[in-house]
Protein backbone atom coordinates (compact mmCIF):
# COMPACT_ATOMS: atom_id res chain seq x y z
CA MET A 1 67.70 109.60 116.94
CA SER A 2 71.27 108.43 117.34
CA GLY A 3 74.58 109.29 115.75
CA TYR A 4 74.12 113.04 115.63
CA THR A 5 76.24 115.79 117.06
CA ILE A 6 75.49 119.42 117.71
CA GLN A 7 78.32 121.87 117.24
CA VAL A 8 77.22 124.55 119.68
CA ASP A 9 79.65 127.27 118.55
CA ALA A 10 78.79 126.75 114.88
CA CYS A 11 75.04 126.79 115.60
CA SER A 12 75.32 129.89 117.76
CA GLY A 13 77.34 131.73 115.11
CA LEU A 14 74.92 130.76 112.36
CA LEU A 15 71.93 131.87 114.41
CA ILE A 16 73.50 135.28 114.98
CA ARG A 17 74.33 135.68 111.28
CA VAL A 18 70.85 134.67 110.14
CA ARG A 19 69.07 136.71 112.82
CA ASP A 20 71.02 139.84 111.84
CA ASP A 21 70.80 139.28 108.07
CA GLU A 22 68.65 141.80 106.24
CA GLY A 23 68.59 139.87 102.95
CA ILE A 24 64.86 139.17 102.85
CA THR A 25 63.97 142.69 103.95
CA ASP A 26 66.34 144.23 101.40
CA ALA A 27 65.02 141.96 98.63
CA ALA A 28 61.41 142.82 99.50
CA THR A 29 62.22 146.54 99.43
CA SER A 30 63.94 146.19 96.05
CA LEU A 31 60.97 144.24 94.73
CA GLU A 32 58.55 146.92 95.93
CA THR A 33 60.64 149.57 94.15
CA ALA A 34 60.76 147.52 90.94
CA TYR A 35 56.99 146.96 90.96
CA ALA A 36 56.36 150.67 91.58
CA GLN A 37 58.62 151.59 88.67
CA ALA A 38 56.98 149.01 86.40
CA THR A 39 53.48 150.12 87.38
CA ASP A 40 54.31 153.81 86.86
CA GLY A 41 56.11 153.22 83.59
CA CYS A 42 53.86 150.69 81.88
CA GLY A 43 51.39 153.27 80.49
CA SER A 44 48.43 150.91 80.73
CA ALA A 45 45.83 150.94 83.50
CA PRO A 46 44.96 147.21 83.10
CA VAL A 47 48.64 146.22 83.14
CA ALA A 48 49.27 148.48 86.15
CA ALA A 49 46.33 146.86 87.98
CA ALA A 50 47.65 143.38 87.18
CA LEU A 51 51.13 144.34 88.37
CA GLU A 52 49.66 145.72 91.58
CA ALA A 53 47.72 142.50 92.19
CA ILE A 54 50.88 140.43 91.68
CA ARG A 55 52.88 142.84 93.86
CA GLU A 56 50.45 142.29 96.73
CA ILE A 57 50.83 138.51 96.47
CA VAL A 58 54.61 138.67 96.25
CA ALA A 59 54.76 141.14 99.16
CA LEU A 60 52.79 138.69 101.32
CA GLN A 61 55.08 135.84 100.28
CA ALA A 62 58.14 137.91 101.19
CA GLU A 63 56.60 138.74 104.57
CA TRP A 64 55.82 135.06 105.19
CA ALA A 65 59.34 134.05 104.15
CA GLY A 66 60.78 136.50 106.66
CA LYS A 67 58.47 135.15 109.36
CA ARG A 68 59.43 131.56 108.54
CA VAL A 69 63.12 132.42 108.85
CA GLU A 70 62.43 134.17 112.15
CA ASN A 71 60.48 131.13 113.41
CA ALA A 72 63.25 128.78 112.31
CA VAL A 73 65.91 130.86 114.07
CA ASP A 74 63.80 130.95 117.23
CA GLY A 75 63.15 127.20 117.06
CA VAL A 76 66.80 126.31 116.55
CA GLY A 77 67.76 128.70 119.35
CA GLN A 78 65.28 127.02 121.70
CA ALA A 79 66.54 123.56 120.69
CA LEU A 80 70.14 124.63 121.27
CA THR A 81 69.25 126.03 124.69
CA ALA A 82 67.44 122.80 125.61
CA TYR A 83 70.46 120.79 124.45
CA LEU A 84 72.83 122.86 126.58
CA GLU A 85 70.54 122.74 129.61
CA GLY A 86 70.17 118.97 129.14
CA ASP A 87 73.95 118.56 129.01
CA GLN A 88 74.30 120.64 132.17
CA LYS A 89 71.62 118.61 133.95
CA MET A 90 73.28 115.34 132.96
CA ALA A 91 76.62 116.65 134.20
CA ASP A 92 75.05 117.82 137.46
CA ASP A 93 73.32 114.45 137.91
CA ALA A 94 76.57 112.59 137.24
CA CYS A 95 78.45 114.74 139.77
CA GLY A 96 75.73 114.10 142.32
CA VAL A 97 76.00 110.35 141.83
CA MET A 98 79.78 110.46 142.08
CA THR A 99 79.70 112.30 145.40
CA GLN A 100 77.07 110.12 147.08
CA ALA A 101 78.31 108.07 149.99
CA PRO A 102 77.66 104.36 149.53
CA GLU A 103 75.05 102.70 151.68
CA LEU A 104 76.66 99.79 153.52
CA PRO A 105 74.53 96.99 154.98
CA ILE A 106 76.15 97.13 158.42
CA GLU A 107 73.74 97.29 161.30
CA ALA A 108 74.57 98.71 164.72
CA GLY A 109 76.03 96.05 167.01
CA SER A 110 76.82 93.67 164.19
CA ALA A 111 80.47 94.55 163.73
CA ASP A 112 81.49 91.10 164.89
CA ARG A 113 79.59 89.43 162.02
CA TYR A 114 81.26 91.52 159.29
CA SER A 115 84.85 92.00 158.41
CA PRO A 116 86.11 95.58 158.32
CA VAL A 117 85.11 97.44 155.14
CA ALA A 118 87.27 100.15 153.72
CA VAL A 119 85.50 102.82 151.70
CA TYR A 120 87.62 105.21 149.68
C-alpha cells in the first residue's frame, strides 16, 4: 500500500477516547432497564416471554459489539506500535549505515600503486 500516512498523535488520542468510552455499556444498561420495564408493564405472559427472548438476543449483540470495539482498539494499538517500532528500526539502521567506515581496496604494501585517498 502506498500513499498513506499515519498521524500518530491523532491515532493515540482516538484510541484513548474510544478505550475509555462507556457508550456501549451505558446503552446496553439502558436497554436492559427498558426491556425490564416493558416486560413488567405489559400485563401479558406471552408478550413478556417474547420480550425476554428478544432482550437476550439484543444483550448478546451489545456484548459482541463491545468486544468488537475492544478488538478494534487493540488491533489499531498493535498496528500503531508496530509502525513506531518500524520507524525506529529504520532510523537506527540508517544511523548505522551513516556511521560505518568505508572499506577501501588498499592492500598493505601497495601504497605506491595508489594515489593518496582522503576519507572525510
